[in-house]
Amino acid sequence: MNSDSMIHLMLIICFVLLIIVLFSKPIKFILKLTLNASMGYIVFTIMNYLGFSIGGNIITCAVSAVLGIPGIIGILAVNALI
């Protein structure tokens, strides 16, 4: 391997590491939102089988995705009050 190919290899490695560092937070955030939304959907499905009437729409999914368990409890509380 000559010096030019070594420099190219080091630049490629640095570029890949830079991309990984830059996109690690957004990917982690998207995965967290997806996990919270799916957890909320599962809880809402179980609650519908138990007799509560909670609609599975984009608003309930977004609230459960952004707020997590407190959002699910809040939706259940609002549903109990209505």
Foldseek 3Di string as FASTA:
>chain_A
DDPVVVVVVVVVVVVVVVVCVVCVVVVVLVVQLVVQLVVLVVVQVVVVVVPQDDDDDPVLSNQSSVVPPVSSVVSVVVSVVD
